[in-house]
Amino acid sequence: MDPILAMRTFVRVVESGNFTRAAESLNLPKGTVTKQIQSLEERVRSKLLNRTTRRVSVTPDGAAYYERAARLLSDFDELESSMTNAQSSPKGQLRIDIGSSTAQLLVIPRLKEFCDLYPEIQVDMGVTDRPVDLLGENVDCVIRVGQLKDQSLVARRIGTLPFVTVASPDYIKRYGMPQHPSELEKRHHVVAYFTQRSRGPYPLQFRKDDEELEIMVTYRVAVNEANAHFSSVLAGFGISQCVTFQAAPHLERGELVQVLPEWTCDPLPMYVVYPPNRHLSPKVRAFVDWAAQLFSEHPHLQGR
């Protein structure tokens, strides 16, 4: 048994969902695919797939084997590619993860440019605001905002993300315009933002000259996803601090108004982050360089 072929066959069966499609994609007879899987299960002494006449499902051992096998095959393919001039033509599966508002408003509208530049890269994009375990979830790189806590990862700073305090005109008409951040604690409603790791909603930060304030908010609505959070502000649930690149078009159209404009919120750094063992990967390097160039062109991602 060729262990690489058996591993590749198993991964293809899992991803395609049945033996027939796997055989077609590998250009192998279906009987050969069946024999490869049987030989692999004998080799690892574990049942990897449950097979019926209608469908194929992965066993718990098979799911664990798939995660490791997919990663090994990706590394193997990159190794071979690096020996055949892949630096000039990156290829392979690229698994990235991006926050929801960044993906929707910044990356996806321009992603076709990246795909046209690198037609042999297959992009798998996860869109989530939750922290991602790059190694555990086999993700090549992520774009994230804020200070980095895991010092074992490699990070390239690609932007500075400013925030603006906003509310809908309807909200201001109903509750009035606050004159000082302290009014947000009791006299106003705030749309709060929280994450799975936070014990409660994030406080609002304000700075004016040498004065700094942190407002612990009371809220009627709290949201843990950036686009839903912003939609709640647009819907008039309350005041909040939103990223400038998301709020700016709505401010220009009068769908939002700026609140407490003389008070600012410290911007946050934006990074593209990847595991140290992936830093020489041609496909990851291609995406990192493209993302850095994309974000450098955006006025609201450089603190301006």
Protein backbone atom coordinates (compact mmCIF):
# COMPACT_ATOMS: atom_id res chain seq x y z
CA MET A 1 0.00 0.00 0.00
CA ASP A 2 1.22 3.47 -0.92
CA PRO A 3 0.59 5.36 2.37
CA ILE A 4 0.40 8.77 0.67
CA LEU A 5 -2.10 7.54 -1.91
CA ALA A 6 -4.16 5.80 0.77
CA MET A 7 -4.18 8.94 2.90
CA ARG A 8 -5.12 11.11 -0.08
CA THR A 9 -7.87 8.66 -1.06
CA PHE A 10 -9.34 8.70 2.45
CA VAL A 11 -9.33 12.51 2.59
CA ARG A 12 -11.01 12.71 -0.79
CA VAL A 13 -13.72 10.22 0.24
CA VAL A 14 -14.45 12.28 3.37
CA GLU A 15 -14.58 15.57 1.47
CA SER A 16 -16.62 14.26 -1.46
CA GLY A 17 -19.00 12.22 0.67
CA ASN A 18 -18.86 8.95 -1.26
CA PHE A 19 -16.54 6.53 -3.03
CA THR A 20 -17.80 7.22 -6.55
CA ARG A 21 -17.04 10.97 -6.53
CA ALA A 22 -13.70 10.33 -4.83
CA ALA A 23 -12.75 7.82 -7.53
CA GLU A 24 -13.71 10.25 -10.29
CA SER A 25 -11.73 13.13 -8.79
CA LEU A 26 -8.67 10.91 -8.31
CA ASN A 27 -9.09 9.30 -11.74
CA LEU A 28 -9.05 5.84 -10.15
CA PRO A 29 -11.40 2.86 -10.43
CA LYS A 30 -13.94 2.70 -7.63
CA GLY A 31 -12.62 -0.73 -6.67
CA THR A 32 -9.14 0.72 -6.15
CA VAL A 33 -10.54 3.40 -3.85
CA THR A 34 -12.35 0.73 -1.82
CA LYS A 35 -9.18 -1.36 -1.51
CA GLN A 36 -7.13 1.69 -0.47
CA ILE A 37 -9.56 2.47 2.35
CA GLN A 38 -9.64 -1.16 3.49
CA SER A 39 -5.84 -1.35 3.50
CA LEU A 40 -5.59 1.93 5.40
CA GLU A 41 -8.01 0.73 8.08
CA GLU A 42 -6.01 -2.47 8.44
CA ARG A 43 -2.80 -0.50 8.71
CA VAL A 44 -4.05 1.85 11.44
CA ARG A 45 -6.10 -0.95 13.09
CA SER A 46 -9.19 1.20 13.36
CA LYS A 47 -12.47 1.68 11.51
CA LEU A 48 -12.36 5.11 9.86
CA LEU A 49 -15.59 5.12 7.83
CA ASN A 50 -19.11 3.82 8.29
CA ARG A 51 -20.37 2.61 4.91
CA THR A 52 -23.95 1.91 3.84
CA THR A 53 -25.52 1.56 0.40
CA ARG A 54 -26.57 5.22 0.49
CA ARG A 55 -23.92 7.20 2.34
CA VAL A 56 -20.50 7.29 3.94
CA SER A 57 -19.98 8.80 7.38
CA VAL A 58 -16.82 9.35 9.40
CA THR A 59 -16.21 7.54 12.67
CA PRO A 60 -14.71 9.43 15.64
CA ASP A 61 -11.32 7.85 14.86
CA GLY A 62 -11.82 8.75 11.21
CA ALA A 63 -12.53 12.40 12.06
CA ALA A 64 -9.33 12.61 14.11
CA TYR A 65 -7.35 10.90 11.35
CA TYR A 66 -8.83 13.22 8.72
CA GLU A 67 -7.69 16.39 10.51
CA ARG A 68 -4.10 15.15 10.77
CA ALA A 69 -4.06 13.64 7.28
CA ALA A 70 -5.39 16.80 5.62
CA ARG A 71 -2.68 18.85 7.34
CA LEU A 72 0.07 16.39 6.40
CA LEU A 73 -1.04 16.26 2.78
CA SER A 74 -1.14 20.06 2.62
CA ASP A 75 2.42 20.23 3.96
CA PHE A 76 3.51 17.45 1.60
CA ASP A 77 2.02 19.21 -1.42
CA GLU A 78 3.68 22.47 -0.43
CA LEU A 79 7.03 20.73 -0.03
CA GLU A 80 6.79 19.27 -3.51
CA SER A 81 5.59 22.57 -4.92
CA SER A 82 8.50 24.43 -3.35
CA MET A 83 10.86 22.14 -5.24
CA THR A 84 9.16 22.89 -8.56
CA ASN A 85 9.15 26.67 -8.69
CA ALA A 86 5.96 27.18 -6.68
CA GLN A 87 7.24 30.54 -5.43
CA SER A 88 6.27 32.02 -8.78
CA SER A 89 2.92 30.21 -8.85
CA PRO A 90 1.47 29.50 -5.36
CA LYS A 91 -1.08 26.73 -5.29
CA GLY A 92 -3.14 24.56 -2.99
CA GLN A 93 -5.87 24.94 -0.41
CA LEU A 94 -5.68 28.13 1.67
CA ARG A 95 -7.72 28.14 4.89
CA ILE A 96 -8.27 31.61 6.32
CA ASP A 97 -10.53 33.04 9.00
CA ILE A 98 -11.74 36.66 9.13
CA GLY A 99 -14.06 38.70 11.36
CA SER A 100 -17.54 39.17 9.94
CA SER A 101 -17.52 42.90 9.17
CA THR A 102 -13.96 42.76 7.79
CA ALA A 103 -14.91 39.88 5.52
CA GLN A 104 -18.17 41.39 4.29
CA LEU A 105 -17.03 44.97 3.71
CA LEU A 106 -13.31 44.74 2.97
CA VAL A 107 -12.08 41.33 1.85
CA ILE A 108 -14.93 39.71 -0.09
CA PRO A 109 -15.58 42.72 -2.40
CA ARG A 110 -11.93 42.52 -3.52
CA LEU A 111 -11.27 38.76 -3.19
CA LYS A 112 -11.78 38.11 -6.89
CA GLU A 113 -8.61 40.13 -7.52
CA PHE A 114 -6.65 37.70 -5.34
CA CYS A 115 -8.25 34.70 -7.06
CA ASP A 116 -7.40 36.14 -10.48
CA LEU A 117 -3.79 36.70 -9.42
CA TYR A 118 -3.46 33.17 -8.01
CA PRO A 119 -5.86 30.91 -9.91
CA GLU A 120 -4.31 27.74 -8.45
CA ILE A 121 -5.08 28.71 -4.84
CA GLN A 122 -8.34 27.34 -3.45
CA VAL A 123 -9.67 29.67 -0.73
CA ASP A 124 -11.61 28.29 2.24
CA MET A 125 -12.81 31.31 4.23
CA GLY A 126 -14.21 31.01 7.72
CA VAL A 127 -16.17 34.08 8.82
CA THR A 128 -16.46 34.43 12.58
CA ASP A 129 -15.73 36.86 15.40
CA ARG A 130 -14.67 34.12 17.81
CA PRO A 131 -10.99 33.36 18.50
CA VAL A 132 -9.68 30.56 16.30
CA ASP A 133 -7.16 27.87 17.27
CA LEU A 134 -5.00 28.01 14.15
CA LEU A 135 -3.16 24.75 14.77
CA GLY A 136 -6.05 22.84 16.28
CA GLU A 137 -8.46 23.88 13.51
CA ASN A 138 -5.87 23.61 10.71
CA VAL A 139 -6.22 27.27 9.69
CA ASP A 140 -3.40 28.85 7.68
CA CYS A 141 -3.94 32.46 8.75
CA VAL A 142 -6.46 34.82 10.31
CA ILE A 143 -7.13 38.55 10.21
CA ARG A 144 -7.85 39.86 13.69
CA VAL A 145 -8.17 43.13 15.59
CA GLY A 146 -6.65 43.95 18.97
CA GLN A 147 -3.57 43.08 20.97
CA LEU A 148 -2.25 39.57 20.38
CA LYS A 149 -2.19 37.22 23.36
CA ASP A 150 -0.52 34.17 21.81
CA GLN A 151 3.14 35.10 21.41
CA SER A 152 3.94 31.82 19.64
CA LEU A 153 2.19 33.05 16.48
CA VAL A 154 3.67 35.19 13.74
CA ALA A 155 1.85 38.47 13.12
CA ARG A 156 2.13 41.22 10.54
CA ARG A 157 0.45 44.50 11.29
CA ILE A 158 -1.63 45.59 8.31
CA GLY A 159 -3.70 48.46 9.65
CA THR A 160 -4.93 50.62 12.50
CA LEU A 161 -8.64 50.43 13.15
CA PRO A 162 -10.36 53.63 14.42
CA PHE A 163 -13.79 53.70 16.03
CA VAL A 164 -16.56 56.30 16.11
CA THR A 165 -19.41 56.71 18.60
CA VAL A 166 -22.74 56.72 16.77
CA ALA A 167 -26.52 56.40 17.08
CA SER A 168 -29.47 56.52 14.74
CA PRO A 169 -31.28 59.85 14.20
CA ASP A 170 -34.47 58.23 15.54
CA TYR A 171 -32.72 57.31 18.79
CA ILE A 172 -31.35 60.84 19.25
CA LYS A 173 -34.82 62.29 18.55
CA ARG A 174 -36.33 60.08 21.26
CA TYR A 175 -33.63 60.31 23.94
CA GLY A 176 -31.60 63.44 23.11
CA MET A 177 -27.93 64.00 22.38
CA PRO A 178 -25.60 63.20 25.31
CA GLN A 179 -23.16 65.94 26.26
CA HIS A 180 -20.77 63.83 28.34
CA PRO A 181 -19.81 60.11 28.33
CA SER A 182 -21.03 59.72 31.92
CA GLU A 183 -24.61 60.17 30.67
CA LEU A 184 -24.34 56.80 28.90
CA GLU A 185 -24.23 54.95 32.22
CA LYS A 186 -27.80 55.73 33.29
CA ARG A 187 -29.63 58.14 31.03
CA HIS A 188 -29.09 56.37 27.69
CA HIS A 189 -29.31 52.93 26.12
CA VAL A 190 -26.17 51.32 24.72
CA VAL A 191 -25.89 48.47 22.20
CA ALA A 192 -23.32 46.27 23.91
CA TYR A 193 -20.81 43.89 22.34
CA PHE A 194 -19.51 40.72 23.97
CA THR A 195 -17.55 37.62 23.01
CA GLN A 196 -17.54 34.02 24.19
CA ARG A 197 -14.45 34.73 26.25
CA SER A 198 -15.62 37.96 27.83
CA ARG A 199 -17.49 37.74 31.13
CA GLY A 200 -19.74 40.60 30.12
CA PRO A 201 -20.07 43.37 27.54
CA TYR A 202 -17.01 45.39 26.64
CA PRO A 203 -16.91 48.85 28.26
CA LEU A 204 -16.89 51.99 26.14
CA GLN A 205 -13.58 53.86 26.11
CA PHE A 206 -13.36 57.64 25.81
CA ARG A 207 -10.41 60.03 25.64
CA LYS A 208 -10.32 63.84 25.58
CA ASP A 209 -6.99 65.61 25.98
CA ASP A 210 -5.50 64.02 29.14
CA GLU A 211 -8.80 62.68 30.45
CA GLU A 212 -9.65 59.00 29.98
CA LEU A 213 -12.97 57.38 30.88
CA GLU A 214 -14.22 53.80 30.84
CA ILE A 215 -17.99 53.47 30.84
CA MET A 216 -19.45 50.19 32.10
CA VAL A 217 -22.66 50.06 30.13
CA THR A 218 -26.19 49.05 30.96
CA TYR A 219 -27.98 47.72 27.94
CA ARG A 220 -31.20 46.40 26.51
CA VAL A 221 -29.44 44.57 23.65
CA ALA A 222 -26.03 42.87 23.60
CA VAL A 223 -24.66 41.14 20.49
CA ASN A 224 -21.62 38.93 19.90
CA GLU A 225 -21.27 39.37 16.12
CA ALA A 226 -20.04 42.56 14.48
CA ASN A 227 -22.58 42.89 11.67
CA ALA A 228 -25.52 42.14 13.98
CA HIS A 229 -24.13 44.63 16.49
CA PHE A 230 -23.94 47.34 13.85
CA SER A 231 -27.43 46.50 12.55
CA SER A 232 -28.77 46.95 16.09
CA VAL A 233 -27.30 50.44 16.21
CA LEU A 234 -28.85 51.28 12.83
CA ALA A 235 -32.19 49.97 14.08
CA GLY A 236 -32.17 52.53 16.89
CA PHE A 237 -31.60 50.30 19.93
CA GLY A 238 -29.00 52.68 21.33
CA ILE A 239 -25.57 54.29 21.17
CA SER A 240 -22.37 52.35 20.55
CA GLN A 241 -18.83 52.55 19.24
CA CYS A 242 -18.44 51.04 15.77
CA VAL A 243 -15.50 50.68 13.41
CA THR A 244 -15.19 53.76 11.22
CA PHE A 245 -15.02 51.90 7.91
CA GLN A 246 -18.43 50.38 8.64
CA ALA A 247 -20.08 53.53 9.97
CA ALA A 248 -18.71 56.12 7.50
CA PRO A 249 -21.13 55.48 4.56
CA HIS A 250 -24.12 55.61 6.90
CA LEU A 251 -22.90 58.85 8.47
CA GLU A 252 -22.58 60.39 5.01
CA ARG A 253 -26.15 59.35 4.11
CA GLY A 254 -27.56 60.62 7.40
CA GLU A 255 -28.57 57.15 8.58
CA LEU A 256 -26.34 57.60 11.64
CA VAL A 257 -25.17 60.62 13.59
CA GLN A 258 -21.91 60.99 15.47
CA VAL A 259 -22.21 61.20 19.24
CA LEU A 260 -19.72 62.98 21.52
CA PRO A 261 -17.44 63.93 18.59
CA GLU A 262 -14.96 65.73 20.87
CA TRP A 263 -14.32 62.43 22.69
CA THR A 264 -12.28 59.80 20.87
CA CYS A 265 -11.74 56.08 21.29
CA ASP A 266 -8.23 54.65 20.97
CA PRO A 267 -7.82 52.76 17.69
CA LEU A 268 -6.90 49.09 17.68
CA PRO A 269 -4.16 47.40 15.66
CA MET A 270 -5.16 44.98 12.91
CA TYR A 271 -2.99 41.94 12.13
CA VAL A 272 -2.79 39.02 9.80
CA VAL A 273 -1.65 36.11 11.98
CA TYR A 274 -0.28 32.69 11.08
CA PRO A 275 1.51 29.78 12.79
CA PRO A 276 5.31 29.90 12.76
CA ASN A 277 5.55 26.65 10.79
CA ARG A 278 3.56 28.21 7.91
CA HIS A 279 5.58 31.38 7.44
CA LEU A 280 7.39 30.18 4.30
CA SER A 281 4.31 28.77 2.60
CA PRO A 282 3.96 30.41 -0.85
CA LYS A 283 0.16 30.50 -0.68
CA VAL A 284 0.13 32.06 2.81
CA ARG A 285 2.80 34.58 1.84
CA ALA A 286 0.77 35.52 -1.25
CA PHE A 287 -2.36 36.18 0.83
CA VAL A 288 -0.51 38.08 3.56
CA ASP A 289 1.12 40.40 1.03
CA TRP A 290 -2.18 40.90 -0.82
CA ALA A 291 -4.08 41.69 2.39
CA ALA A 292 -1.40 44.14 3.53
CA GLN A 293 -1.61 45.99 0.22
CA LEU A 294 -5.42 45.95 0.24
CA PHE A 295 -5.66 47.41 3.72
CA SER A 296 -2.93 50.00 3.11
CA GLU A 297 -5.13 51.54 0.42
CA HIS A 298 -8.12 52.05 2.73
CA PRO A 299 -8.26 55.47 4.47
CA HIS A 300 -10.17 54.15 7.45
CA LEU A 301 -7.63 51.41 8.20
CA GLN A 302 -4.59 53.60 8.68
CA GLY A 303 -5.91 55.77 11.50
CA ARG A 304 -7.05 58.47 9.09
